Amino acid sequence: MNKKSDIVSNKVIVPEEKIRLRLPKKYNNEMFALAERLLGGSRMNVICADGKSRLARIPGRMKRRMKVRAGDLLIIQPWEIQNEKADIVYRYFKTQSSTLSRKNMLPEIIDVF
């Protein structure tokens, strides 16, 4: 931090850290969603980035590893046969959600962070 290029008008410039976050894969038909309410039986209502409300299920591999609560930011994958149902692929932590919101990577409809 002793370089002259790092000091500008007595303020130290700290380079922004690069944070790697998983994003929805468009070729897998994945999208952002916001968990609205839990229904029981590993199911919940979610509000998707396309504006639709879907019934999403929490797969067993995710159910055992982490808890999904109402208000969490998720990545979901809608079913091909029934478009009003979906599978949850990934859950973001609160700090990750606020980072995505700060960088304007979330759609307007689900940007509540």
N, C-alpha and C. Protein backbone atom coordinates (compact mmCIF):
# COMPACT_ATOMS: atom_id res chain seq x y z
N MET A 1 0.80 -1.18 0.00
CA MET A 1 0.00 0.00 0.00
C MET A 1 0.85 1.26 0.00
N ASN A 2 2.12 1.13 -0.20
CA ASN A 2 2.99 2.29 -0.20
C ASN A 2 3.16 2.89 -1.59
N LYS A 3 2.49 2.35 -2.59
CA LYS A 3 2.61 2.88 -3.94
C LYS A 3 1.85 4.18 -4.06
N LYS A 4 2.37 5.08 -4.87
CA LYS A 4 1.70 6.35 -5.07
C LYS A 4 0.39 6.18 -5.84
N SER A 5 0.31 5.14 -6.67
CA SER A 5 -0.91 4.94 -7.44
C SER A 5 -2.07 4.47 -6.58
N ASP A 6 -1.76 3.92 -5.39
CA ASP A 6 -2.81 3.45 -4.51
C ASP A 6 -3.37 4.55 -3.62
N ILE A 7 -2.68 5.65 -3.49
CA ILE A 7 -3.12 6.71 -2.59
C ILE A 7 -3.58 7.89 -3.43
N VAL A 8 -4.85 8.26 -3.25
CA VAL A 8 -5.42 9.38 -3.97
C VAL A 8 -6.05 10.31 -2.94
N SER A 9 -5.53 11.52 -2.83
CA SER A 9 -6.01 12.55 -1.91
C SER A 9 -6.20 12.01 -0.49
N ASN A 10 -5.18 11.38 0.03
CA ASN A 10 -5.12 10.86 1.39
C ASN A 10 -6.14 9.76 1.67
N LYS A 11 -6.71 9.17 0.66
CA LYS A 11 -7.62 8.04 0.83
C LYS A 11 -7.01 6.82 0.17
N VAL A 12 -7.06 5.74 0.86
CA VAL A 12 -6.51 4.50 0.33
C VAL A 12 -7.59 3.81 -0.50
N ILE A 13 -7.26 3.47 -1.73
CA ILE A 13 -8.19 2.79 -2.61
C ILE A 13 -7.98 1.29 -2.44
N VAL A 14 -9.03 0.62 -2.01
CA VAL A 14 -8.97 -0.83 -1.83
C VAL A 14 -9.64 -1.47 -3.05
N PRO A 15 -8.92 -2.31 -3.77
CA PRO A 15 -9.55 -2.93 -4.94
C PRO A 15 -10.69 -3.85 -4.50
N GLU A 16 -11.75 -3.84 -5.29
CA GLU A 16 -12.91 -4.65 -4.96
C GLU A 16 -12.60 -6.12 -5.17
N GLU A 17 -12.98 -6.93 -4.21
CA GLU A 17 -12.71 -8.36 -4.30
C GLU A 17 -13.60 -8.97 -5.37
N LYS A 18 -13.06 -9.96 -6.05
CA LYS A 18 -13.84 -10.69 -7.03
C LYS A 18 -14.52 -11.85 -6.32
N ILE A 19 -15.83 -11.87 -6.38
CA ILE A 19 -16.61 -12.92 -5.72
C ILE A 19 -17.25 -13.78 -6.80
N ARG A 20 -17.04 -15.07 -6.69
CA ARG A 20 -17.61 -15.99 -7.67
C ARG A 20 -18.92 -16.54 -7.13
N LEU A 21 -19.98 -16.33 -7.88
CA LEU A 21 -21.30 -16.82 -7.50
C LEU A 21 -21.89 -17.62 -8.64
N ARG A 22 -22.65 -18.62 -8.28
CA ARG A 22 -23.32 -19.43 -9.29
C ARG A 22 -24.50 -18.63 -9.83
N LEU A 23 -24.63 -18.57 -11.15
CA LEU A 23 -25.72 -17.87 -11.81
C LEU A 23 -26.57 -18.88 -12.56
N PRO A 24 -27.83 -18.54 -12.85
CA PRO A 24 -28.68 -19.47 -13.59
C PRO A 24 -28.15 -19.73 -15.00
N LYS A 25 -28.21 -20.97 -15.42
CA LYS A 25 -27.78 -21.35 -16.77
C LYS A 25 -28.98 -21.33 -17.68
N LYS A 26 -28.96 -20.42 -18.64
CA LYS A 26 -30.10 -20.25 -19.54
C LYS A 26 -30.33 -21.48 -20.42
N TYR A 27 -29.26 -22.18 -20.79
CA TYR A 27 -29.43 -23.35 -21.65
C TYR A 27 -30.06 -24.52 -20.89
N ASN A 28 -30.05 -24.49 -19.56
CA ASN A 28 -30.74 -25.50 -18.75
C ASN A 28 -32.10 -25.02 -18.29
N ASN A 29 -32.54 -23.87 -18.80
CA ASN A 29 -33.84 -23.29 -18.46
C ASN A 29 -33.93 -22.93 -16.97
N GLU A 30 -32.83 -22.50 -16.37
CA GLU A 30 -32.81 -22.10 -14.96
C GLU A 30 -33.09 -20.62 -14.85
N MET A 31 -33.67 -20.21 -13.71
CA MET A 31 -33.95 -18.80 -13.48
C MET A 31 -33.94 -18.50 -11.98
N PHE A 32 -33.85 -17.19 -11.66
CA PHE A 32 -33.93 -16.75 -10.28
C PHE A 32 -35.36 -16.89 -9.78
N ALA A 33 -35.51 -17.14 -8.48
CA ALA A 33 -36.83 -17.17 -7.85
C ALA A 33 -36.68 -16.75 -6.39
N LEU A 34 -37.79 -16.33 -5.81
CA LEU A 34 -37.83 -15.92 -4.42
C LEU A 34 -38.82 -16.82 -3.70
N ALA A 35 -38.37 -17.46 -2.61
CA ALA A 35 -39.24 -18.36 -1.85
C ALA A 35 -40.32 -17.54 -1.16
N GLU A 36 -41.57 -17.87 -1.45
CA GLU A 36 -42.69 -17.10 -0.91
C GLU A 36 -43.20 -17.70 0.40
N ARG A 37 -43.56 -18.98 0.39
CA ARG A 37 -44.01 -19.62 1.64
C ARG A 37 -43.80 -21.12 1.55
N LEU A 38 -43.58 -21.71 2.71
CA LEU A 38 -43.39 -23.16 2.80
C LEU A 38 -44.76 -23.83 2.89
N LEU A 39 -44.88 -24.97 2.21
CA LEU A 39 -46.15 -25.69 2.21
C LEU A 39 -46.07 -27.01 2.96
N GLY A 40 -44.89 -27.50 3.24
CA GLY A 40 -44.74 -28.79 3.89
C GLY A 40 -44.49 -29.88 2.86
N GLY A 41 -43.91 -30.97 3.29
CA GLY A 41 -43.64 -32.06 2.37
C GLY A 41 -42.59 -31.71 1.34
N SER A 42 -41.62 -30.91 1.71
CA SER A 42 -40.52 -30.48 0.83
C SER A 42 -41.01 -29.66 -0.36
N ARG A 43 -42.08 -28.92 -0.18
CA ARG A 43 -42.62 -28.09 -1.26
C ARG A 43 -42.79 -26.65 -0.77
N MET A 44 -42.75 -25.73 -1.71
CA MET A 44 -42.93 -24.31 -1.39
C MET A 44 -43.41 -23.56 -2.63
N ASN A 45 -44.06 -22.44 -2.38
CA ASN A 45 -44.45 -21.52 -3.46
C ASN A 45 -43.30 -20.56 -3.68
N VAL A 46 -42.96 -20.34 -4.96
CA VAL A 46 -41.89 -19.41 -5.30
C VAL A 46 -42.41 -18.42 -6.35
N ILE A 47 -41.85 -17.22 -6.32
CA ILE A 47 -42.13 -16.21 -7.34
C ILE A 47 -40.92 -16.17 -8.25
N CYS A 48 -41.12 -16.43 -9.53
CA CYS A 48 -40.02 -16.57 -10.47
C CYS A 48 -39.71 -15.25 -11.15
N ALA A 49 -38.57 -15.23 -11.83
CA ALA A 49 -38.11 -14.02 -12.52
C ALA A 49 -39.02 -13.66 -13.70
N ASP A 50 -39.76 -14.63 -14.24
CA ASP A 50 -40.67 -14.33 -15.34
C ASP A 50 -42.04 -13.87 -14.86
N GLY A 51 -42.21 -13.71 -13.54
CA GLY A 51 -43.45 -13.17 -12.99
C GLY A 51 -44.47 -14.22 -12.60
N LYS A 52 -44.21 -15.49 -12.87
CA LYS A 52 -45.15 -16.56 -12.53
C LYS A 52 -44.90 -17.07 -11.13
N SER A 53 -45.94 -17.59 -10.51
CA SER A 53 -45.82 -18.24 -9.21
C SER A 53 -45.86 -19.75 -9.47
N ARG A 54 -44.87 -20.46 -8.95
CA ARG A 54 -44.76 -21.90 -9.20
C ARG A 54 -44.67 -22.67 -7.89
N LEU A 55 -45.03 -23.93 -7.96
CA LEU A 55 -44.86 -24.85 -6.86
C LEU A 55 -43.51 -25.54 -7.05
N ALA A 56 -42.59 -25.30 -6.13
CA ALA A 56 -41.24 -25.86 -6.26
C ALA A 56 -41.02 -26.91 -5.19
N ARG A 57 -40.27 -27.93 -5.54
CA ARG A 57 -39.94 -28.96 -4.56
C ARG A 57 -38.46 -28.90 -4.24
N ILE A 58 -38.15 -29.23 -2.99
CA ILE A 58 -36.77 -29.23 -2.53
C ILE A 58 -36.25 -30.65 -2.68
N PRO A 59 -35.24 -30.88 -3.52
CA PRO A 59 -34.73 -32.25 -3.68
C PRO A 59 -34.03 -32.73 -2.40
N GLY A 60 -33.95 -34.03 -2.23
CA GLY A 60 -33.38 -34.62 -1.03
C GLY A 60 -31.94 -34.23 -0.78
N ARG A 61 -31.15 -34.10 -1.85
CA ARG A 61 -29.74 -33.74 -1.66
C ARG A 61 -29.60 -32.35 -1.08
N MET A 62 -30.54 -31.44 -1.37
CA MET A 62 -30.48 -30.10 -0.82
C MET A 62 -31.16 -30.05 0.55
N LYS A 63 -32.19 -30.84 0.74
CA LYS A 63 -32.94 -30.82 2.00
C LYS A 63 -32.06 -31.26 3.16
N ARG A 64 -31.18 -32.19 2.92
CA ARG A 64 -30.31 -32.69 3.99
C ARG A 64 -29.16 -31.73 4.27
N ARG A 65 -28.74 -30.99 3.28
CA ARG A 65 -27.55 -30.15 3.41
C ARG A 65 -27.85 -28.78 4.01
N MET A 66 -28.92 -28.14 3.58
CA MET A 66 -29.23 -26.79 4.05
C MET A 66 -30.73 -26.58 4.08
N LYS A 67 -31.14 -25.66 4.92
CA LYS A 67 -32.56 -25.34 5.06
C LYS A 67 -32.93 -24.22 4.10
N VAL A 68 -34.07 -24.36 3.45
CA VAL A 68 -34.60 -23.32 2.58
C VAL A 68 -35.77 -22.70 3.33
N ARG A 69 -35.74 -21.38 3.50
CA ARG A 69 -36.76 -20.66 4.24
C ARG A 69 -37.46 -19.65 3.35
N ALA A 70 -38.58 -19.16 3.81
CA ALA A 70 -39.30 -18.12 3.07
C ALA A 70 -38.44 -16.86 3.00
N GLY A 71 -38.38 -16.25 1.84
CA GLY A 71 -37.58 -15.05 1.64
C GLY A 71 -36.20 -15.31 1.07
N ASP A 72 -35.83 -16.57 0.87
CA ASP A 72 -34.52 -16.90 0.31
C ASP A 72 -34.52 -16.72 -1.20
N LEU A 73 -33.37 -16.34 -1.73
CA LEU A 73 -33.17 -16.25 -3.17
C LEU A 73 -32.71 -17.61 -3.67
N LEU A 74 -33.35 -18.10 -4.73
CA LEU A 74 -33.10 -19.45 -5.23
C LEU A 74 -32.84 -19.43 -6.72
N ILE A 75 -32.27 -20.52 -7.20
CA ILE A 75 -32.25 -20.82 -8.63
C ILE A 75 -33.15 -22.02 -8.81
N ILE A 76 -34.12 -21.90 -9.70
CA ILE A 76 -35.03 -23.02 -9.95
C ILE A 76 -34.95 -23.45 -11.41
N GLN A 77 -35.44 -24.65 -11.65
CA GLN A 77 -35.52 -25.18 -13.01
C GLN A 77 -36.94 -25.68 -13.23
N PRO A 78 -37.75 -24.96 -14.04
CA PRO A 78 -39.13 -25.40 -14.29
C PRO A 78 -39.16 -26.75 -15.00
N TRP A 79 -40.22 -27.50 -14.69
CA TRP A 79 -40.38 -28.80 -15.35
C TRP A 79 -40.75 -28.59 -16.81
N GLU A 80 -40.34 -29.52 -17.64
CA GLU A 80 -40.66 -29.41 -19.06
C GLU A 80 -42.12 -29.78 -19.33
N ILE A 81 -42.66 -30.73 -18.57
CA ILE A 81 -44.01 -31.20 -18.82
C ILE A 81 -45.04 -30.27 -18.20
N GLN A 82 -44.89 -29.97 -16.91
CA GLN A 82 -45.79 -29.06 -16.22
C GLN A 82 -45.02 -27.79 -15.87
N ASN A 83 -45.30 -26.72 -16.57
CA ASN A 83 -44.54 -25.48 -16.40
C ASN A 83 -44.85 -24.78 -15.09
N GLU A 84 -45.97 -25.13 -14.42
CA GLU A 84 -46.30 -24.48 -13.15
C GLU A 84 -45.62 -25.14 -11.95
N LYS A 85 -44.75 -26.12 -12.20
CA LYS A 85 -43.97 -26.77 -11.14
C LYS A 85 -42.48 -26.64 -11.47
N ALA A 86 -41.63 -26.74 -10.43
CA ALA A 86 -40.20 -26.55 -10.64
C ALA A 86 -39.41 -27.30 -9.57
N ASP A 87 -38.12 -27.48 -9.84
CA ASP A 87 -37.17 -28.04 -8.89
C ASP A 87 -36.23 -26.93 -8.43
N ILE A 88 -35.87 -26.95 -7.16
CA ILE A 88 -34.90 -25.98 -6.64
C ILE A 88 -33.51 -26.53 -6.90
N VAL A 89 -32.65 -25.72 -7.52
CA VAL A 89 -31.31 -26.15 -7.88
C VAL A 89 -30.27 -25.63 -6.90
N TYR A 90 -30.45 -24.37 -6.45
CA TYR A 90 -29.42 -23.74 -5.60
C TYR A 90 -30.09 -22.70 -4.70
N ARG A 91 -29.55 -22.52 -3.50
CA ARG A 91 -30.01 -21.49 -2.57
C ARG A 91 -28.86 -20.56 -2.24
N TYR A 92 -29.10 -19.25 -2.34
CA TYR A 92 -28.10 -18.25 -2.01
C TYR A 92 -28.18 -17.90 -0.53
N PHE A 93 -27.04 -17.58 0.09
CA PHE A 93 -27.00 -17.04 1.43
C PHE A 93 -27.38 -15.56 1.35
N LYS A 94 -27.68 -14.95 2.49
CA LYS A 94 -28.11 -13.55 2.51
C LYS A 94 -27.03 -12.61 1.96
N THR A 95 -25.77 -12.88 2.30
CA THR A 95 -24.69 -12.01 1.79
C THR A 95 -24.55 -12.14 0.28
N GLN A 96 -24.73 -13.34 -0.24
CA GLN A 96 -24.66 -13.54 -1.68
C GLN A 96 -25.82 -12.83 -2.38
N SER A 97 -27.01 -12.88 -1.77
CA SER A 97 -28.18 -12.21 -2.34
C SER A 97 -27.98 -10.71 -2.41
N SER A 98 -27.43 -10.14 -1.34
CA SER A 98 -27.23 -8.69 -1.34
C SER A 98 -26.13 -8.28 -2.32
N THR A 99 -25.13 -9.15 -2.52
CA THR A 99 -24.09 -8.87 -3.51
C THR A 99 -24.68 -8.85 -4.92
N LEU A 100 -25.54 -9.81 -5.24
CA LEU A 100 -26.18 -9.84 -6.55
C LEU A 100 -27.08 -8.62 -6.75
N SER A 101 -27.76 -8.21 -5.70
CA SER A 101 -28.63 -7.05 -5.78
C SER A 101 -27.82 -5.77 -5.99
N ARG A 102 -26.71 -5.65 -5.29
CA ARG A 102 -25.86 -4.47 -5.41
C ARG A 102 -25.27 -4.36 -6.81
N LYS A 103 -24.98 -5.49 -7.44
CA LYS A 103 -24.41 -5.48 -8.79
C LYS A 103 -25.47 -5.46 -9.89
N ASN A 104 -26.74 -5.29 -9.52
CA ASN A 104 -27.87 -5.22 -10.45
C ASN A 104 -27.96 -6.45 -11.34
N MET A 105 -27.79 -7.61 -10.77
CA MET A 105 -27.88 -8.85 -11.54
C MET A 105 -29.22 -9.56 -11.33
N LEU A 106 -30.07 -9.02 -10.44
CA LEU A 106 -31.37 -9.62 -10.18
C LEU A 106 -32.45 -8.89 -10.98
N PRO A 107 -33.46 -9.62 -11.45
CA PRO A 107 -34.58 -8.95 -12.11
C PRO A 107 -35.34 -8.06 -11.13
N GLU A 108 -36.03 -7.05 -11.65
CA GLU A 108 -36.74 -6.08 -10.81
C GLU A 108 -37.82 -6.74 -9.96
N ILE A 109 -38.47 -7.76 -10.47
CA ILE A 109 -39.61 -8.36 -9.78
C ILE A 109 -39.22 -9.07 -8.49
N ILE A 110 -37.99 -9.57 -8.39
CA ILE A 110 -37.56 -10.29 -7.19
C ILE A 110 -36.43 -9.61 -6.46
N ASP A 111 -36.11 -8.39 -6.81
CA ASP A 111 -34.99 -7.68 -6.16
C ASP A 111 -35.50 -7.00 -4.89
N VAL A 112 -35.50 -7.73 -3.78
CA VAL A 112 -35.96 -7.20 -2.49
C VAL A 112 -34.81 -7.10 -1.50
N PHE A 113 -33.60 -7.29 -1.96
CA PHE A 113 -32.45 -7.27 -1.06
C PHE A 113 -31.80 -5.93 -1.19
